[in-house]
Structures are given as structure tokens and as C-alpha cells.
Amino acid sequence: FSGTAHGAHGAIPLPAPATLEILK
């Protein structure tokens, strides 16, 4: 999916970077 979300470090792109890393 696409867009942005708000995390502990501010706005982040979706999918969350950690999500993409996990799904490699």
C-alpha cells in the first residue's frame, strides 16, 4: 500500500520501512 503514517520518529512512508525489511 502507499501513503504515510505517524510514528515515534515522525511521519514515515507506507509500508513502514521495517515492514519492507521483514518482507524481503
PDBML (XML) file of the C-alpha atoms, coordinates in Angstrom:
<?xml version="1.0" encoding="UTF-8" ?>
<PDBx:datablock datablockName="MODEL"
   xmlns:PDBx="http://pdbml.pdb.org/schema/pdbx-v50.xsd"
   xmlns:xsi="http://www.w3.org/2001/XMLSchema-instance"
   xsi:schemaLocation="http://pdbml.pdb.org/schema/pdbx-v50.xsd pdbx-v50.xsd">
   <PDBx:atom_siteCategory>
      <PDBx:atom_site id="1">
         <PDBx:B_iso_or_equiv>0.00</PDBx:B_iso_or_equiv>
         <PDBx:Cartn_x>0.000</PDBx:Cartn_x>
         <PDBx:Cartn_y>0.000</PDBx:Cartn_y>
         <PDBx:Cartn_z>0.000</PDBx:Cartn_z>
         <PDBx:auth_asym_id>A</PDBx:auth_asym_id>
         <PDBx:auth_atom_id>CA</PDBx:auth_atom_id>
         <PDBx:auth_comp_id>PHE</PDBx:auth_comp_id>
         <PDBx:auth_seq_id>1</PDBx:auth_seq_id>
         <PDBx:group_PDB>ATOM</PDBx:group_PDB>
         <PDBx:label_alt_id xsi:nil="true" />
         <PDBx:label_asym_id>A</PDBx:label_asym_id>
         <PDBx:label_atom_id>CA</PDBx:label_atom_id>
         <PDBx:label_comp_id>PHE</PDBx:label_comp_id>
         <PDBx:label_entity_id>1</PDBx:label_entity_id>
         <PDBx:label_seq_id>1</PDBx:label_seq_id>
         <PDBx:occupancy>1.00</PDBx:occupancy>
         <PDBx:pdbx_PDB_model_num>1</PDBx:pdbx_PDB_model_num>
         <PDBx:type_symbol>C</PDBx:type_symbol>
      </PDBx:atom_site>
      <PDBx:atom_site id="2">
         <PDBx:B_iso_or_equiv>0.00</PDBx:B_iso_or_equiv>
         <PDBx:Cartn_x>1.108</PDBx:Cartn_x>
         <PDBx:Cartn_y>3.628</PDBx:Cartn_y>
         <PDBx:Cartn_z>-0.091</PDBx:Cartn_z>
         <PDBx:auth_asym_id>A</PDBx:auth_asym_id>
         <PDBx:auth_atom_id>CA</PDBx:auth_atom_id>
         <PDBx:auth_comp_id>SER</PDBx:auth_comp_id>
         <PDBx:auth_seq_id>2</PDBx:auth_seq_id>
         <PDBx:group_PDB>ATOM</PDBx:group_PDB>
         <PDBx:label_alt_id xsi:nil="true" />
         <PDBx:label_asym_id>A</PDBx:label_asym_id>
         <PDBx:label_atom_id>CA</PDBx:label_atom_id>
         <PDBx:label_comp_id>SER</PDBx:label_comp_id>
         <PDBx:label_entity_id>1</PDBx:label_entity_id>
         <PDBx:label_seq_id>2</PDBx:label_seq_id>
         <PDBx:occupancy>1.00</PDBx:occupancy>
         <PDBx:pdbx_PDB_model_num>1</PDBx:pdbx_PDB_model_num>
         <PDBx:type_symbol>C</PDBx:type_symbol>
      </PDBx:atom_site>
      <PDBx:atom_site id="3">
         <PDBx:B_iso_or_equiv>0.00</PDBx:B_iso_or_equiv>
         <PDBx:Cartn_x>0.775</PDBx:Cartn_x>
         <PDBx:Cartn_y>6.829</PDBx:Cartn_y>
         <PDBx:Cartn_z>1.884</PDBx:Cartn_z>
         <PDBx:auth_asym_id>A</PDBx:auth_asym_id>
         <PDBx:auth_atom_id>CA</PDBx:auth_atom_id>
         <PDBx:auth_comp_id>GLY</PDBx:auth_comp_id>
         <PDBx:auth_seq_id>3</PDBx:auth_seq_id>
         <PDBx:group_PDB>ATOM</PDBx:group_PDB>
         <PDBx:label_alt_id xsi:nil="true" />
         <PDBx:label_asym_id>A</PDBx:label_asym_id>
         <PDBx:label_atom_id>CA</PDBx:label_atom_id>
         <PDBx:label_comp_id>GLY</PDBx:label_comp_id>
         <PDBx:label_entity_id>1</PDBx:label_entity_id>
         <PDBx:label_seq_id>3</PDBx:label_seq_id>
         <PDBx:occupancy>1.00</PDBx:occupancy>
         <PDBx:pdbx_PDB_model_num>1</PDBx:pdbx_PDB_model_num>
         <PDBx:type_symbol>C</PDBx:type_symbol>
      </PDBx:atom_site>
      <PDBx:atom_site id="4">
         <PDBx:B_iso_or_equiv>0.00</PDBx:B_iso_or_equiv>
         <PDBx:Cartn_x>2.223</PDBx:Cartn_x>
         <PDBx:Cartn_y>7.995</PDBx:Cartn_y>
         <PDBx:Cartn_z>5.187</PDBx:Cartn_z>
         <PDBx:auth_asym_id>A</PDBx:auth_asym_id>
         <PDBx:auth_atom_id>CA</PDBx:auth_atom_id>
         <PDBx:auth_comp_id>THR</PDBx:auth_comp_id>
         <PDBx:auth_seq_id>4</PDBx:auth_seq_id>
         <PDBx:group_PDB>ATOM</PDBx:group_PDB>
         <PDBx:label_alt_id xsi:nil="true" />
         <PDBx:label_asym_id>A</PDBx:label_asym_id>
         <PDBx:label_atom_id>CA</PDBx:label_atom_id>
         <PDBx:label_comp_id>THR</PDBx:label_comp_id>
         <PDBx:label_entity_id>1</PDBx:label_entity_id>
         <PDBx:label_seq_id>4</PDBx:label_seq_id>
         <PDBx:occupancy>1.00</PDBx:occupancy>
         <PDBx:pdbx_PDB_model_num>1</PDBx:pdbx_PDB_model_num>
         <PDBx:type_symbol>C</PDBx:type_symbol>
      </PDBx:atom_site>
      <PDBx:atom_site id="5">
         <PDBx:B_iso_or_equiv>0.00</PDBx:B_iso_or_equiv>
         <PDBx:Cartn_x>1.706</PDBx:Cartn_x>
         <PDBx:Cartn_y>7.244</PDBx:Cartn_y>
         <PDBx:Cartn_z>8.850</PDBx:Cartn_z>
         <PDBx:auth_asym_id>A</PDBx:auth_asym_id>
         <PDBx:auth_atom_id>CA</PDBx:auth_atom_id>
         <PDBx:auth_comp_id>ALA</PDBx:auth_comp_id>
         <PDBx:auth_seq_id>5</PDBx:auth_seq_id>
         <PDBx:group_PDB>ATOM</PDBx:group_PDB>
         <PDBx:label_alt_id xsi:nil="true" />
         <PDBx:label_asym_id>A</PDBx:label_asym_id>
         <PDBx:label_atom_id>CA</PDBx:label_atom_id>
         <PDBx:label_comp_id>ALA</PDBx:label_comp_id>
         <PDBx:label_entity_id>1</PDBx:label_entity_id>
         <PDBx:label_seq_id>5</PDBx:label_seq_id>
         <PDBx:occupancy>1.00</PDBx:occupancy>
         <PDBx:pdbx_PDB_model_num>1</PDBx:pdbx_PDB_model_num>
         <PDBx:type_symbol>C</PDBx:type_symbol>
      </PDBx:atom_site>
      <PDBx:atom_site id="6">
         <PDBx:B_iso_or_equiv>0.00</PDBx:B_iso_or_equiv>
         <PDBx:Cartn_x>2.822</PDBx:Cartn_x>
         <PDBx:Cartn_y>8.898</PDBx:Cartn_y>
         <PDBx:Cartn_z>12.070</PDBx:Cartn_z>
         <PDBx:auth_asym_id>A</PDBx:auth_asym_id>
         <PDBx:auth_atom_id>CA</PDBx:auth_atom_id>
         <PDBx:auth_comp_id>HIS</PDBx:auth_comp_id>
         <PDBx:auth_seq_id>6</PDBx:auth_seq_id>
         <PDBx:group_PDB>ATOM</PDBx:group_PDB>
         <PDBx:label_alt_id xsi:nil="true" />
         <PDBx:label_asym_id>A</PDBx:label_asym_id>
         <PDBx:label_atom_id>CA</PDBx:label_atom_id>
         <PDBx:label_comp_id>HIS</PDBx:label_comp_id>
         <PDBx:label_entity_id>1</PDBx:label_entity_id>
         <PDBx:label_seq_id>6</PDBx:label_seq_id>
         <PDBx:occupancy>1.00</PDBx:occupancy>
         <PDBx:pdbx_PDB_model_num>1</PDBx:pdbx_PDB_model_num>
         <PDBx:type_symbol>C</PDBx:type_symbol>
      </PDBx:atom_site>
      <PDBx:atom_site id="7">
         <PDBx:B_iso_or_equiv>0.00</PDBx:B_iso_or_equiv>
         <PDBx:Cartn_x>5.356</PDBx:Cartn_x>
         <PDBx:Cartn_y>7.011</PDBx:Cartn_y>
         <PDBx:Cartn_z>14.190</PDBx:Cartn_z>
         <PDBx:auth_asym_id>A</PDBx:auth_asym_id>
         <PDBx:auth_atom_id>CA</PDBx:auth_atom_id>
         <PDBx:auth_comp_id>GLY</PDBx:auth_comp_id>
         <PDBx:auth_seq_id>7</PDBx:auth_seq_id>
         <PDBx:group_PDB>ATOM</PDBx:group_PDB>
         <PDBx:label_alt_id xsi:nil="true" />
         <PDBx:label_asym_id>A</PDBx:label_asym_id>
         <PDBx:label_atom_id>CA</PDBx:label_atom_id>
         <PDBx:label_comp_id>GLY</PDBx:label_comp_id>
         <PDBx:label_entity_id>1</PDBx:label_entity_id>
         <PDBx:label_seq_id>7</PDBx:label_seq_id>
         <PDBx:occupancy>1.00</PDBx:occupancy>
         <PDBx:pdbx_PDB_model_num>1</PDBx:pdbx_PDB_model_num>
         <PDBx:type_symbol>C</PDBx:type_symbol>
      </PDBx:atom_site>
      <PDBx:atom_site id="8">
         <PDBx:B_iso_or_equiv>0.00</PDBx:B_iso_or_equiv>
         <PDBx:Cartn_x>7.592</PDBx:Cartn_x>
         <PDBx:Cartn_y>7.712</PDBx:Cartn_y>
         <PDBx:Cartn_z>17.148</PDBx:Cartn_z>
         <PDBx:auth_asym_id>A</PDBx:auth_asym_id>
         <PDBx:auth_atom_id>CA</PDBx:auth_atom_id>
         <PDBx:auth_comp_id>ALA</PDBx:auth_comp_id>
         <PDBx:auth_seq_id>8</PDBx:auth_seq_id>
         <PDBx:group_PDB>ATOM</PDBx:group_PDB>
         <PDBx:label_alt_id xsi:nil="true" />
         <PDBx:label_asym_id>A</PDBx:label_asym_id>
         <PDBx:label_atom_id>CA</PDBx:label_atom_id>
         <PDBx:label_comp_id>ALA</PDBx:label_comp_id>
         <PDBx:label_entity_id>1</PDBx:label_entity_id>
         <PDBx:label_seq_id>8</PDBx:label_seq_id>
         <PDBx:occupancy>1.00</PDBx:occupancy>
         <PDBx:pdbx_PDB_model_num>1</PDBx:pdbx_PDB_model_num>
         <PDBx:type_symbol>C</PDBx:type_symbol>
      </PDBx:atom_site>
      <PDBx:atom_site id="9">
         <PDBx:B_iso_or_equiv>0.00</PDBx:B_iso_or_equiv>
         <PDBx:Cartn_x>10.097</PDBx:Cartn_x>
         <PDBx:Cartn_y>9.462</PDBx:Cartn_y>
         <PDBx:Cartn_z>14.844</PDBx:Cartn_z>
         <PDBx:auth_asym_id>A</PDBx:auth_asym_id>
         <PDBx:auth_atom_id>CA</PDBx:auth_atom_id>
         <PDBx:auth_comp_id>HIS</PDBx:auth_comp_id>
         <PDBx:auth_seq_id>9</PDBx:auth_seq_id>
         <PDBx:group_PDB>ATOM</PDBx:group_PDB>
         <PDBx:label_alt_id xsi:nil="true" />
         <PDBx:label_asym_id>A</PDBx:label_asym_id>
         <PDBx:label_atom_id>CA</PDBx:label_atom_id>
         <PDBx:label_comp_id>HIS</PDBx:label_comp_id>
         <PDBx:label_entity_id>1</PDBx:label_entity_id>
         <PDBx:label_seq_id>9</PDBx:label_seq_id>
         <PDBx:occupancy>1.00</PDBx:occupancy>
         <PDBx:pdbx_PDB_model_num>1</PDBx:pdbx_PDB_model_num>
         <PDBx:type_symbol>C</PDBx:type_symbol>
      </PDBx:atom_site>
      <PDBx:atom_site id="10">
         <PDBx:B_iso_or_equiv>0.00</PDBx:B_iso_or_equiv>
         <PDBx:Cartn_x>7.506</PDBx:Cartn_x>
         <PDBx:Cartn_y>11.475</PDBx:Cartn_y>
         <PDBx:Cartn_z>12.917</PDBx:Cartn_z>
         <PDBx:auth_asym_id>A</PDBx:auth_asym_id>
         <PDBx:auth_atom_id>CA</PDBx:auth_atom_id>
         <PDBx:auth_comp_id>GLY</PDBx:auth_comp_id>
         <PDBx:auth_seq_id>10</PDBx:auth_seq_id>
         <PDBx:group_PDB>ATOM</PDBx:group_PDB>
         <PDBx:label_alt_id xsi:nil="true" />
         <PDBx:label_asym_id>A</PDBx:label_asym_id>
         <PDBx:label_atom_id>CA</PDBx:label_atom_id>
         <PDBx:label_comp_id>GLY</PDBx:label_comp_id>
         <PDBx:label_entity_id>1</PDBx:label_entity_id>
         <PDBx:label_seq_id>10</PDBx:label_seq_id>
         <PDBx:occupancy>1.00</PDBx:occupancy>
         <PDBx:pdbx_PDB_model_num>1</PDBx:pdbx_PDB_model_num>
         <PDBx:type_symbol>C</PDBx:type_symbol>
      </PDBx:atom_site>
      <PDBx:atom_site id="11">
         <PDBx:B_iso_or_equiv>0.00</PDBx:B_iso_or_equiv>
         <PDBx:Cartn_x>5.899</PDBx:Cartn_x>
         <PDBx:Cartn_y>10.861</PDBx:Cartn_y>
         <PDBx:Cartn_z>9.531</PDBx:Cartn_z>
         <PDBx:auth_asym_id>A</PDBx:auth_asym_id>
         <PDBx:auth_atom_id>CA</PDBx:auth_atom_id>
         <PDBx:auth_comp_id>ALA</PDBx:auth_comp_id>
         <PDBx:auth_seq_id>11</PDBx:auth_seq_id>
         <PDBx:group_PDB>ATOM</PDBx:group_PDB>
         <PDBx:label_alt_id xsi:nil="true" />
         <PDBx:label_asym_id>A</PDBx:label_asym_id>
         <PDBx:label_atom_id>CA</PDBx:label_atom_id>
         <PDBx:label_comp_id>ALA</PDBx:label_comp_id>
         <PDBx:label_entity_id>1</PDBx:label_entity_id>
         <PDBx:label_seq_id>11</PDBx:label_seq_id>
         <PDBx:occupancy>1.00</PDBx:occupancy>
         <PDBx:pdbx_PDB_model_num>1</PDBx:pdbx_PDB_model_num>
         <PDBx:type_symbol>C</PDBx:type_symbol>
      </PDBx:atom_site>
      <PDBx:atom_site id="12">
         <PDBx:B_iso_or_equiv>0.00</PDBx:B_iso_or_equiv>
         <PDBx:Cartn_x>7.056</PDBx:Cartn_x>
         <PDBx:Cartn_y>7.683</PDBx:Cartn_y>
         <PDBx:Cartn_z>7.772</PDBx:Cartn_z>
         <PDBx:auth_asym_id>A</PDBx:auth_asym_id>
         <PDBx:auth_atom_id>CA</PDBx:auth_atom_id>
         <PDBx:auth_comp_id>ILE</PDBx:auth_comp_id>
         <PDBx:auth_seq_id>12</PDBx:auth_seq_id>
         <PDBx:group_PDB>ATOM</PDBx:group_PDB>
         <PDBx:label_alt_id xsi:nil="true" />
         <PDBx:label_asym_id>A</PDBx:label_asym_id>
         <PDBx:label_atom_id>CA</PDBx:label_atom_id>
         <PDBx:label_comp_id>ILE</PDBx:label_comp_id>
         <PDBx:label_entity_id>1</PDBx:label_entity_id>
         <PDBx:label_seq_id>12</PDBx:label_seq_id>
         <PDBx:occupancy>1.00</PDBx:occupancy>
         <PDBx:pdbx_PDB_model_num>1</PDBx:pdbx_PDB_model_num>
         <PDBx:type_symbol>C</PDBx:type_symbol>
      </PDBx:atom_site>
      <PDBx:atom_site id="13">
         <PDBx:B_iso_or_equiv>0.00</PDBx:B_iso_or_equiv>
         <PDBx:Cartn_x>6.202</PDBx:Cartn_x>
         <PDBx:Cartn_y>6.254</PDBx:Cartn_y>
         <PDBx:Cartn_z>4.343</PDBx:Cartn_z>
         <PDBx:auth_asym_id>A</PDBx:auth_asym_id>
         <PDBx:auth_atom_id>CA</PDBx:auth_atom_id>
         <PDBx:auth_comp_id>PRO</PDBx:auth_comp_id>
         <PDBx:auth_seq_id>13</PDBx:auth_seq_id>
         <PDBx:group_PDB>ATOM</PDBx:group_PDB>
         <PDBx:label_alt_id xsi:nil="true" />
         <PDBx:label_asym_id>A</PDBx:label_asym_id>
         <PDBx:label_atom_id>CA</PDBx:label_atom_id>
         <PDBx:label_comp_id>PRO</PDBx:label_comp_id>
         <PDBx:label_entity_id>1</PDBx:label_entity_id>
         <PDBx:label_seq_id>13</PDBx:label_seq_id>
         <PDBx:occupancy>1.00</PDBx:occupancy>
         <PDBx:pdbx_PDB_model_num>1</PDBx:pdbx_PDB_model_num>
         <PDBx:type_symbol>C</PDBx:type_symbol>
      </PDBx:atom_site>
      <PDBx:atom_site id="14">
         <PDBx:B_iso_or_equiv>0.00</PDBx:B_iso_or_equiv>
         <PDBx:Cartn_x>3.942</PDBx:Cartn_x>
         <PDBx:Cartn_y>3.256</PDBx:Cartn_y>
         <PDBx:Cartn_z>3.972</PDBx:Cartn_z>
         <PDBx:auth_asym_id>A</PDBx:auth_asym_id>
         <PDBx:auth_atom_id>CA</PDBx:auth_atom_id>
         <PDBx:auth_comp_id>LEU</PDBx:auth_comp_id>
         <PDBx:auth_seq_id>14</PDBx:auth_seq_id>
         <PDBx:group_PDB>ATOM</PDBx:group_PDB>
         <PDBx:label_alt_id xsi:nil="true" />
         <PDBx:label_asym_id>A</PDBx:label_asym_id>
         <PDBx:label_atom_id>CA</PDBx:label_atom_id>
         <PDBx:label_comp_id>LEU</PDBx:label_comp_id>
         <PDBx:label_entity_id>1</PDBx:label_entity_id>
         <PDBx:label_seq_id>14</PDBx:label_seq_id>
         <PDBx:occupancy>1.00</PDBx:occupancy>
         <PDBx:pdbx_PDB_model_num>1</PDBx:pdbx_PDB_model_num>
         <PDBx:type_symbol>C</PDBx:type_symbol>
      </PDBx:atom_site>
      <PDBx:atom_site id="15">
         <PDBx:B_iso_or_equiv>0.00</PDBx:B_iso_or_equiv>
         <PDBx:Cartn_x>4.628</PDBx:Cartn_x>
         <PDBx:Cartn_y>0.413</PDBx:Cartn_y>
         <PDBx:Cartn_z>4.007</PDBx:Cartn_z>
         <PDBx:auth_asym_id>A</PDBx:auth_asym_id>
         <PDBx:auth_atom_id>CA</PDBx:auth_atom_id>
         <PDBx:auth_comp_id>PRO</PDBx:auth_comp_id>
         <PDBx:auth_seq_id>15</PDBx:auth_seq_id>
         <PDBx:group_PDB>ATOM</PDBx:group_PDB>
         <PDBx:label_alt_id xsi:nil="true" />
         <PDBx:label_asym_id>A</PDBx:label_asym_id>
         <PDBx:label_atom_id>CA</PDBx:label_atom_id>
         <PDBx:label_comp_id>PRO</PDBx:label_comp_id>
         <PDBx:label_entity_id>1</PDBx:label_entity_id>
         <PDBx:label_seq_id>15</PDBx:label_seq_id>
         <PDBx:occupancy>1.00</PDBx:occupancy>
         <PDBx:pdbx_PDB_model_num>1</PDBx:pdbx_PDB_model_num>
         <PDBx:type_symbol>C</PDBx:type_symbol>
      </PDBx:atom_site>
      <PDBx:atom_site id="16">
         <PDBx:B_iso_or_equiv>0.00</PDBx:B_iso_or_equiv>
         <PDBx:Cartn_x>6.659</PDBx:Cartn_x>
         <PDBx:Cartn_y>1.150</PDBx:Cartn_y>
         <PDBx:Cartn_z>7.112</PDBx:Cartn_z>
         <PDBx:auth_asym_id>A</PDBx:auth_asym_id>
         <PDBx:auth_atom_id>CA</PDBx:auth_atom_id>
         <PDBx:auth_comp_id>ALA</PDBx:auth_comp_id>
         <PDBx:auth_seq_id>16</PDBx:auth_seq_id>
         <PDBx:group_PDB>ATOM</PDBx:group_PDB>
         <PDBx:label_alt_id xsi:nil="true" />
         <PDBx:label_asym_id>A</PDBx:label_asym_id>
         <PDBx:label_atom_id>CA</PDBx:label_atom_id>
         <PDBx:label_comp_id>ALA</PDBx:label_comp_id>
         <PDBx:label_entity_id>1</PDBx:label_entity_id>
         <PDBx:label_seq_id>16</PDBx:label_seq_id>
         <PDBx:occupancy>1.00</PDBx:occupancy>
         <PDBx:pdbx_PDB_model_num>1</PDBx:pdbx_PDB_model_num>
         <PDBx:type_symbol>C</PDBx:type_symbol>
      </PDBx:atom_site>
      <PDBx:atom_site id="17">
         <PDBx:B_iso_or_equiv>0.00</PDBx:B_iso_or_equiv>
         <PDBx:Cartn_x>10.387</PDBx:Cartn_x>
         <PDBx:Cartn_y>0.697</PDBx:Cartn_y>
         <PDBx:Cartn_z>6.432</PDBx:Cartn_z>
         <PDBx:auth_asym_id>A</PDBx:auth_asym_id>
         <PDBx:auth_atom_id>CA</PDBx:auth_atom_id>
         <PDBx:auth_comp_id>PRO</PDBx:auth_comp_id>
         <PDBx:auth_seq_id>17</PDBx:auth_seq_id>
         <PDBx:group_PDB>ATOM</PDBx:group_PDB>
         <PDBx:label_alt_id xsi:nil="true" />
         <PDBx:label_asym_id>A</PDBx:label_asym_id>
         <PDBx:label_atom_id>CA</PDBx:label_atom_id>
         <PDBx:label_comp_id>PRO</PDBx:label_comp_id>
         <PDBx:label_entity_id>1</PDBx:label_entity_id>
         <PDBx:label_seq_id>17</PDBx:label_seq_id>
         <PDBx:occupancy>1.00</PDBx:occupancy>
         <PDBx:pdbx_PDB_model_num>1</PDBx:pdbx_PDB_model_num>
         <PDBx:type_symbol>C</PDBx:type_symbol>
      </PDBx:atom_site>
      <PDBx:atom_site id="18">
         <PDBx:B_iso_or_equiv>0.00</PDBx:B_iso_or_equiv>
         <PDBx:Cartn_x>10.567</PDBx:Cartn_x>
         <PDBx:Cartn_y>-2.114</PDBx:Cartn_y>
         <PDBx:Cartn_z>8.988</PDBx:Cartn_z>
         <PDBx:auth_asym_id>A</PDBx:auth_asym_id>
         <PDBx:auth_atom_id>CA</PDBx:auth_atom_id>
         <PDBx:auth_comp_id>ALA</PDBx:auth_comp_id>
         <PDBx:auth_seq_id>18</PDBx:auth_seq_id>
         <PDBx:group_PDB>ATOM</PDBx:group_PDB>
         <PDBx:label_alt_id xsi:nil="true" />
         <PDBx:label_asym_id>A</PDBx:label_asym_id>
         <PDBx:label_atom_id>CA</PDBx:label_atom_id>
         <PDBx:label_comp_id>ALA</PDBx:label_comp_id>
         <PDBx:label_entity_id>1</PDBx:label_entity_id>
         <PDBx:label_seq_id>18</PDBx:label_seq_id>
         <PDBx:occupancy>1.00</PDBx:occupancy>
         <PDBx:pdbx_PDB_model_num>1</PDBx:pdbx_PDB_model_num>
         <PDBx:type_symbol>C</PDBx:type_symbol>
      </PDBx:atom_site>
      <PDBx:atom_site id="19">
         <PDBx:B_iso_or_equiv>0.00</PDBx:B_iso_or_equiv>
         <PDBx:Cartn_x>7.686</PDBx:Cartn_x>
         <PDBx:Cartn_y>-3.906</PDBx:Cartn_y>
         <PDBx:Cartn_z>7.265</PDBx:Cartn_z>
         <PDBx:auth_asym_id>A</PDBx:auth_asym_id>
         <PDBx:auth_atom_id>CA</PDBx:auth_atom_id>
         <PDBx:auth_comp_id>THR</PDBx:auth_comp_id>
         <PDBx:auth_seq_id>19</PDBx:auth_seq_id>
         <PDBx:group_PDB>ATOM</PDBx:group_PDB>
         <PDBx:label_alt_id xsi:nil="true" />
         <PDBx:label_asym_id>A</PDBx:label_asym_id>
         <PDBx:label_atom_id>CA</PDBx:label_atom_id>
         <PDBx:label_comp_id>THR</PDBx:label_comp_id>
         <PDBx:label_entity_id>1</PDBx:label_entity_id>
         <PDBx:label_seq_id>19</PDBx:label_seq_id>
         <PDBx:occupancy>1.00</PDBx:occupancy>
         <PDBx:pdbx_PDB_model_num>1</PDBx:pdbx_PDB_model_num>
         <PDBx:type_symbol>C</PDBx:type_symbol>
      </PDBx:atom_site>
      <PDBx:atom_site id="20">
         <PDBx:B_iso_or_equiv>0.00</PDBx:B_iso_or_equiv>
         <PDBx:Cartn_x>9.510</PDBx:Cartn_x>
         <PDBx:Cartn_y>-3.845</PDBx:Cartn_y>
         <PDBx:Cartn_z>3.933</PDBx:Cartn_z>
         <PDBx:auth_asym_id>A</PDBx:auth_asym_id>
         <PDBx:auth_atom_id>CA</PDBx:auth_atom_id>
         <PDBx:auth_comp_id>LEU</PDBx:auth_comp_id>
         <PDBx:auth_seq_id>20</PDBx:auth_seq_id>
         <PDBx:group_PDB>ATOM</PDBx:group_PDB>
         <PDBx:label_alt_id xsi:nil="true" />
         <PDBx:label_asym_id>A</PDBx:label_asym_id>
         <PDBx:label_atom_id>CA</PDBx:label_atom_id>
         <PDBx:label_comp_id>LEU</PDBx:label_comp_id>
         <PDBx:label_entity_id>1</PDBx:label_entity_id>
         <PDBx:label_seq_id>20</PDBx:label_seq_id>
         <PDBx:occupancy>1.00</PDBx:occupancy>
         <PDBx:pdbx_PDB_model_num>1</PDBx:pdbx_PDB_model_num>
         <PDBx:type_symbol>C</PDBx:type_symbol>
      </PDBx:atom_site>
      <PDBx:atom_site id="21">
         <PDBx:B_iso_or_equiv>0.00</PDBx:B_iso_or_equiv>
         <PDBx:Cartn_x>12.704</PDBx:Cartn_x>
         <PDBx:Cartn_y>-5.122</PDBx:Cartn_y>
         <PDBx:Cartn_z>5.552</PDBx:Cartn_z>
         <PDBx:auth_asym_id>A</PDBx:auth_asym_id>
         <PDBx:auth_atom_id>CA</PDBx:auth_atom_id>
         <PDBx:auth_comp_id>GLU</PDBx:auth_comp_id>
         <PDBx:auth_seq_id>21</PDBx:auth_seq_id>
         <PDBx:group_PDB>ATOM</PDBx:group_PDB>
         <PDBx:label_alt_id xsi:nil="true" />
         <PDBx:label_asym_id>A</PDBx:label_asym_id>
         <PDBx:label_atom_id>CA</PDBx:label_atom_id>
         <PDBx:label_comp_id>GLU</PDBx:label_comp_id>
         <PDBx:label_entity_id>1</PDBx:label_entity_id>
         <PDBx:label_seq_id>21</PDBx:label_seq_id>
         <PDBx:occupancy>1.00</PDBx:occupancy>
         <PDBx:pdbx_PDB_model_num>1</PDBx:pdbx_PDB_model_num>
         <PDBx:type_symbol>C</PDBx:type_symbol>
      </PDBx:atom_site>
      <PDBx:atom_site id="22">
         <PDBx:B_iso_or_equiv>0.00</PDBx:B_iso_or_equiv>
         <PDBx:Cartn_x>10.846</PDBx:Cartn_x>
         <PDBx:Cartn_y>-8.033</PDBx:Cartn_y>
         <PDBx:Cartn_z>7.108</PDBx:Cartn_z>
         <PDBx:auth_asym_id>A</PDBx:auth_asym_id>
         <PDBx:auth_atom_id>CA</PDBx:auth_atom_id>
         <PDBx:auth_comp_id>ILE</PDBx:auth_comp_id>
         <PDBx:auth_seq_id>22</PDBx:auth_seq_id>
         <PDBx:group_PDB>ATOM</PDBx:group_PDB>
         <PDBx:label_alt_id xsi:nil="true" />
         <PDBx:label_asym_id>A</PDBx:label_asym_id>
         <PDBx:label_atom_id>CA</PDBx:label_atom_id>
         <PDBx:label_comp_id>ILE</PDBx:label_comp_id>
         <PDBx:label_entity_id>1</PDBx:label_entity_id>
         <PDBx:label_seq_id>22</PDBx:label_seq_id>
         <PDBx:occupancy>1.00</PDBx:occupancy>
         <PDBx:pdbx_PDB_model_num>1</PDBx:pdbx_PDB_model_num>
         <PDBx:type_symbol>C</PDBx:type_symbol>
      </PDBx:atom_site>
      <PDBx:atom_site id="23">
         <PDBx:B_iso_or_equiv>0.00</PDBx:B_iso_or_equiv>
         <PDBx:Cartn_x>9.192</PDBx:Cartn_x>
         <PDBx:Cartn_y>-8.926</PDBx:Cartn_y>
         <PDBx:Cartn_z>3.793</PDBx:Cartn_z>
         <PDBx:auth_asym_id>A</PDBx:auth_asym_id>
         <PDBx:auth_atom_id>CA</PDBx:auth_atom_id>
         <PDBx:auth_comp_id>LEU</PDBx:auth_comp_id>
         <PDBx:auth_seq_id>23</PDBx:auth_seq_id>
         <PDBx:group_PDB>ATOM</PDBx:group_PDB>
         <PDBx:label_alt_id xsi:nil="true" />
         <PDBx:label_asym_id>A</PDBx:label_asym_id>
         <PDBx:label_atom_id>CA</PDBx:label_atom_id>
         <PDBx:label_comp_id>LEU</PDBx:label_comp_id>
         <PDBx:label_entity_id>1</PDBx:label_entity_id>
         <PDBx:label_seq_id>23</PDBx:label_seq_id>
         <PDBx:occupancy>1.00</PDBx:occupancy>
         <PDBx:pdbx_PDB_model_num>1</PDBx:pdbx_PDB_model_num>
         <PDBx:type_symbol>C</PDBx:type_symbol>
      </PDBx:atom_site>
      <PDBx:atom_site id="24">
         <PDBx:B_iso_or_equiv>0.00</PDBx:B_iso_or_equiv>
         <PDBx:Cartn_x>12.409</PDBx:Cartn_x>
         <PDBx:Cartn_y>-9.055</PDBx:Cartn_y>
         <PDBx:Cartn_z>1.760</PDBx:Cartn_z>
         <PDBx:auth_asym_id>A</PDBx:auth_asym_id>
         <PDBx:auth_atom_id>CA</PDBx:auth_atom_id>
         <PDBx:auth_comp_id>LYS</PDBx:auth_comp_id>
         <PDBx:auth_seq_id>24</PDBx:auth_seq_id>
         <PDBx:group_PDB>ATOM</PDBx:group_PDB>
         <PDBx:label_alt_id xsi:nil="true" />
         <PDBx:label_asym_id>A</PDBx:label_asym_id>
         <PDBx:label_atom_id>CA</PDBx:label_atom_id>
         <PDBx:label_comp_id>LYS</PDBx:label_comp_id>
         <PDBx:label_entity_id>1</PDBx:label_entity_id>
         <PDBx:label_seq_id>24</PDBx:label_seq_id>
         <PDBx:occupancy>1.00</PDBx:occupancy>
         <PDBx:pdbx_PDB_model_num>1</PDBx:pdbx_PDB_model_num>
         <PDBx:type_symbol>C</PDBx:type_symbol>
      </PDBx:atom_site>
   </PDBx:atom_siteCategory>
</PDBx:datablock>
